[in-house]
Amino acid sequence: MTGDPPLGSCPKCGEGLSGAHVLVEYEKEDGTTGIWAECPICDEVVSPQE
């Protein structure tokens, strides 16, 4: 990783994900930010887990 703060990890393989992997940021109904990111290991679009 290149200094990006970690977003969480891939729920499928556990790989750490950073801002460089973000595909989409959106606002959830409760006002929090949701993120979809591409895991470089699984090559899947996932919602990072903290």
PDB file of N, CA and C in Angstrom:
ATOM      1  N   MET A   1       0.831  -1.178   0.000  1.00  0.00           N
ATOM      2  CA  MET A   1       0.000   0.000   0.000  1.00  0.00           C
ATOM      3  C   MET A   1       0.877   1.243   0.000  1.00  0.00           C
ATOM      4  N   THR A   2       0.293   2.322  -0.463  1.00  0.00           N
ATOM      5  CA  THR A   2       1.100   3.519  -0.651  1.00  0.00           C
ATOM      6  C   THR A   2       0.744   4.637   0.314  1.00  0.00           C
ATOM      7  N   GLY A   3       0.607   4.337   1.583  1.00  0.00           N
ATOM      8  CA  GLY A   3       0.328   5.356   2.572  1.00  0.00           C
ATOM      9  C   GLY A   3      -1.147   5.669   2.754  1.00  0.00           C
ATOM     10  N   ASP A   4      -2.026   5.036   1.967  1.00  0.00           N
ATOM     11  CA  ASP A   4      -3.465   5.230   2.152  1.00  0.00           C
ATOM     12  C   ASP A   4      -3.883   4.599   3.465  1.00  0.00           C
ATOM     13  N   PRO A   5      -4.749   5.267   4.230  1.00  0.00           N
ATOM     14  CA  PRO A   5      -5.228   4.644   5.461  1.00  0.00           C
ATOM     15  C   PRO A   5      -6.081   3.418   5.138  1.00  0.00           C
ATOM     16  N   PRO A   6      -5.990   2.389   5.940  1.00  0.00           N
ATOM     17  CA  PRO A   6      -6.776   1.188   5.676  1.00  0.00           C
ATOM     18  C   PRO A   6      -8.272   1.452   5.829  1.00  0.00           C
ATOM     19  N   LEU A   7      -9.062   0.836   4.952  1.00  0.00           N
ATOM     20  CA  LEU A   7     -10.519   0.958   5.005  1.00  0.00           C
ATOM     21  C   LEU A   7     -11.136  -0.193   5.773  1.00  0.00           C
ATOM     22  N   GLY A   8     -10.430  -1.278   5.824  1.00  0.00           N
ATOM     23  CA  GLY A   8     -10.926  -2.513   6.407  1.00  0.00           C
ATOM     24  C   GLY A   8     -10.335  -3.664   5.623  1.00  0.00           C
ATOM     25  N   SER A   9     -10.982  -4.798   5.720  1.00  0.00           N
ATOM     26  CA  SER A   9     -10.454  -5.964   5.022  1.00  0.00           C
ATOM     27  C   SER A   9     -11.530  -6.611   4.157  1.00  0.00           C
ATOM     28  N   CYS A  10     -11.087  -7.403   3.225  1.00  0.00           N
ATOM     29  CA  CYS A  10     -11.985  -8.137   2.338  1.00  0.00           C
ATOM     30  C   CYS A  10     -12.705  -9.212   3.156  1.00  0.00           C
ATOM     31  N   PRO A  11     -14.036  -9.265   3.073  1.00  0.00           N
ATOM     32  CA  PRO A  11     -14.775 -10.277   3.836  1.00  0.00           C
ATOM     33  C   PRO A  11     -14.573 -11.690   3.296  1.00  0.00           C
ATOM     34  N   LYS A  12     -14.019 -11.812   2.102  1.00  0.00           N
ATOM     35  CA  LYS A  12     -13.821 -13.132   1.496  1.00  0.00           C
ATOM     36  C   LYS A  12     -12.453 -13.731   1.821  1.00  0.00           C
ATOM     37  N   CYS A  13     -11.398 -12.890   1.729  1.00  0.00           N
ATOM     38  CA  CYS A  13     -10.051 -13.446   1.933  1.00  0.00           C
ATOM     39  C   CYS A  13      -9.263 -12.785   3.069  1.00  0.00           C
ATOM     40  N   GLY A  14      -9.750 -11.643   3.584  1.00  0.00           N
ATOM     41  CA  GLY A  14      -9.068 -10.977   4.685  1.00  0.00           C
ATOM     42  C   GLY A  14      -8.009  -9.973   4.269  1.00  0.00           C
ATOM     43  N   GLU A  15      -7.784  -9.791   2.975  1.00  0.00           N
ATOM     44  CA  GLU A  15      -6.792  -8.828   2.479  1.00  0.00           C
ATOM     45  C   GLU A  15      -7.164  -7.417   2.933  1.00  0.00           C
ATOM     46  N   GLY A  16      -6.172  -6.654   3.386  1.00  0.00           N
ATOM     47  CA  GLY A  16      -6.407  -5.268   3.776  1.00  0.00           C
ATOM     48  C   GLY A  16      -6.679  -4.404   2.552  1.00  0.00           C
ATOM     49  N   LEU A  17      -7.669  -3.525   2.638  1.00  0.00           N
ATOM     50  CA  LEU A  17      -8.034  -2.661   1.521  1.00  0.00           C
ATOM     51  C   LEU A  17      -7.807  -1.208   1.909  1.00  0.00           C
ATOM     52  N   SER A  18      -7.315  -0.414   0.952  1.00  0.00           N
ATOM     53  CA  SER A  18      -7.051   1.003   1.191  1.00  0.00           C
ATOM     54  C   SER A  18      -7.843   1.841   0.192  1.00  0.00           C
ATOM     55  N   GLY A  19      -7.693   3.139   0.278  1.00  0.00           N
ATOM     56  CA  GLY A  19      -8.379   4.059  -0.613  1.00  0.00           C
ATOM     57  C   GLY A  19      -8.092   3.803  -2.087  1.00  0.00           C
ATOM     58  N   ALA A  20      -6.943   3.233  -2.388  1.00  0.00           N
ATOM     59  CA  ALA A  20      -6.596   2.934  -3.781  1.00  0.00           C
ATOM     60  C   ALA A  20      -7.529   1.883  -4.385  1.00  0.00           C
ATOM     61  N   HIS A  21      -8.223   1.118  -3.556  1.00  0.00           N
ATOM     62  CA  HIS A  21      -9.098   0.046  -4.033  1.00  0.00           C
ATOM     63  C   HIS A  21     -10.562   0.459  -4.153  1.00  0.00           C
ATOM     64  N   VAL A  22     -10.901   1.687  -3.705  1.00  0.00           N
ATOM     65  CA  VAL A  22     -12.295   2.144  -3.694  1.00  0.00           C
ATOM     66  C   VAL A  22     -12.821   2.327  -5.116  1.00  0.00           C
ATOM     67  N   LEU A  23     -14.001   1.780  -5.350  1.00  0.00           N
ATOM     68  CA  LEU A  23     -14.691   1.970  -6.624  1.00  0.00           C
ATOM     69  C   LEU A  23     -15.832   2.965  -6.469  1.00  0.00           C
ATOM     70  N   VAL A  24     -16.596   2.850  -5.366  1.00  0.00           N
ATOM     71  CA  VAL A  24     -17.776   3.683  -5.155  1.00  0.00           C
ATOM     72  C   VAL A  24     -17.899   4.033  -3.671  1.00  0.00           C
ATOM     73  N   GLU A  25     -18.195   5.297  -3.399  1.00  0.00           N
ATOM     74  CA  GLU A  25     -18.585   5.727  -2.054  1.00  0.00           C
ATOM     75  C   GLU A  25     -20.008   6.250  -2.162  1.00  0.00           C
ATOM     76  N   TYR A  26     -20.845   5.919  -1.176  1.00  0.00           N
ATOM     77  CA  TYR A  26     -22.241   6.359  -1.217  1.00  0.00           C
ATOM     78  C   TYR A  26     -22.732   6.618   0.194  1.00  0.00           C
ATOM     79  N   GLU A  27     -23.815   7.393   0.296  1.00  0.00           N
ATOM     80  CA  GLU A  27     -24.403   7.680   1.599  1.00  0.00           C
ATOM     81  C   GLU A  27     -25.527   6.687   1.865  1.00  0.00           C
ATOM     82  N   LYS A  28     -25.454   6.030   3.020  1.00  0.00           N
ATOM     83  CA  LYS A  28     -26.488   5.084   3.437  1.00  0.00           C
ATOM     84  C   LYS A  28     -27.670   5.844   4.024  1.00  0.00           C
ATOM     85  N   GLU A  29     -28.786   5.162   4.198  1.00  0.00           N
ATOM     86  CA  GLU A  29     -29.991   5.773   4.762  1.00  0.00           C
ATOM     87  C   GLU A  29     -29.749   6.366   6.141  1.00  0.00           C
ATOM     88  N   ASP A  30     -28.834   5.758   6.913  1.00  0.00           N
ATOM     89  CA  ASP A  30     -28.568   6.257   8.266  1.00  0.00           C
ATOM     90  C   ASP A  30     -27.558   7.408   8.298  1.00  0.00           C
ATOM     91  N   GLY A  31     -27.127   7.872   7.120  1.00  0.00           N
ATOM     92  CA  GLY A  31     -26.212   9.003   7.032  1.00  0.00           C
ATOM     93  C   GLY A  31     -24.743   8.643   7.024  1.00  0.00           C
ATOM     94  N   THR A  32     -24.404   7.378   7.238  1.00  0.00           N
ATOM     95  CA  THR A  32     -23.005   6.947   7.194  1.00  0.00           C
ATOM     96  C   THR A  32     -22.584   6.710   5.746  1.00  0.00           C
ATOM     97  N   THR A  33     -21.290   6.607   5.538  1.00  0.00           N
ATOM     98  CA  THR A  33     -20.758   6.381   4.202  1.00  0.00           C
ATOM     99  C   THR A  33     -20.538   4.893   3.966  1.00  0.00           C
ATOM    100  N   GLY A  34     -21.048   4.411   2.853  1.00  0.00           N
ATOM    101  CA  GLY A  34     -20.802   3.034   2.436  1.00  0.00           C
ATOM    102  C   GLY A  34     -19.732   3.017   1.364  1.00  0.00           C
ATOM    103  N   ILE A  35     -19.018   1.928   1.276  1.00  0.00           N
ATOM    104  CA  ILE A  35     -17.924   1.819   0.306  1.00  0.00           C
ATOM    105  C   ILE A  35     -17.983   0.466  -0.381  1.00  0.00           C
ATOM    106  N   TRP A  36     -17.765   0.475  -1.678  1.00  0.00           N
ATOM    107  CA  TRP A  36     -17.537  -0.737  -2.453  1.00  0.00           C
ATOM    108  C   TRP A  36     -16.119  -0.627  -2.997  1.00  0.00           C
ATOM    109  N   ALA A  37     -15.333  -1.678  -2.799  1.00  0.00           N
ATOM    110  CA  ALA A  37     -13.942  -1.669  -3.223  1.00  0.00           C
ATOM    111  C   ALA A  37     -13.613  -2.977  -3.944  1.00  0.00           C
ATOM    112  N   GLU A  38     -12.585  -2.937  -4.783  1.00  0.00           N
ATOM    113  CA  GLU A  38     -12.149  -4.148  -5.480  1.00  0.00           C
ATOM    114  C   GLU A  38     -10.978  -4.765  -4.731  1.00  0.00           C
ATOM    115  N   CYS A  39     -11.135  -6.023  -4.356  1.00  0.00           N
ATOM    116  CA  CYS A  39     -10.062  -6.736  -3.674  1.00  0.00           C
ATOM    117  C   CYS A  39      -9.020  -7.173  -4.707  1.00  0.00           C
ATOM    118  N   PRO A  40      -7.740  -6.813  -4.496  1.00  0.00           N
ATOM    119  CA  PRO A  40      -6.705  -7.187  -5.460  1.00  0.00           C
ATOM    120  C   PRO A  40      -6.375  -8.684  -5.446  1.00  0.00           C
ATOM    121  N   ILE A  41      -6.748  -9.383  -4.390  1.00  0.00           N
ATOM    122  CA  ILE A  41      -6.475 -10.817  -4.295  1.00  0.00           C
ATOM    123  C   ILE A  41      -7.617 -11.627  -4.901  1.00  0.00           C
ATOM    124  N   CYS A  42      -8.857 -11.357  -4.458  1.00  0.00           N
ATOM    125  CA  CYS A  42     -10.038 -12.092  -4.944  1.00  0.00           C
ATOM    126  C   CYS A  42     -10.503 -11.616  -6.306  1.00  0.00           C
ATOM    127  N   ASP A  43     -10.157 -10.365  -6.641  1.00  0.00           N
ATOM    128  CA  ASP A  43     -10.655  -9.718  -7.855  1.00  0.00           C
ATOM    129  C   ASP A  43     -12.171  -9.627  -7.830  1.00  0.00           C
ATOM    130  N   GLU A  44     -12.718  -9.375  -6.625  1.00  0.00           N
ATOM    131  CA  GLU A  44     -14.159  -9.242  -6.400  1.00  0.00           C
ATOM    132  C   GLU A  44     -14.467  -7.855  -5.868  1.00  0.00           C
ATOM    133  N   VAL A  45     -15.664  -7.367  -6.128  1.00  0.00           N
ATOM    134  CA  VAL A  45     -16.121  -6.113  -5.538  1.00  0.00           C
ATOM    135  C   VAL A  45     -16.775  -6.462  -4.206  1.00  0.00           C
ATOM    136  N   VAL A  46     -16.286  -5.825  -3.134  1.00  0.00           N
ATOM    137  CA  VAL A  46     -16.734  -6.151  -1.782  1.00  0.00           C
ATOM    138  C   VAL A  46     -16.979  -4.881  -0.978  1.00  0.00           C
ATOM    139  N   SER A  47     -17.689  -5.037   0.115  1.00  0.00           N
ATOM    140  CA  SER A  47     -17.846  -3.975   1.108  1.00  0.00           C
ATOM    141  C   SER A  47     -16.847  -4.276   2.221  1.00  0.00           C
ATOM    142  N   PRO A  48     -15.786  -3.457   2.372  1.00  0.00           N
ATOM    143  CA  PRO A  48     -14.757  -3.747   3.364  1.00  0.00           C
ATOM    144  C   PRO A  48     -15.328  -3.877   4.781  1.00  0.00           C
ATOM    145  N   GLN A  49     -14.798  -4.826   5.529  1.00  0.00           N
ATOM    146  CA  GLN A  49     -15.172  -5.016   6.922  1.00  0.00           C
ATOM    147  C   GLN A  49     -14.108  -4.433   7.817  1.00  0.00           C
ATOM    148  N   GLU A  50     -14.533  -3.838   8.927  1.00  0.00           N
ATOM    149  CA  GLU A  50     -13.560  -3.242   9.862  1.00  0.00           C
ATOM    150  C   GLU A  50     -13.057  -4.262  10.830  1.00  0.00           C
TER     151      GLU A  50
END
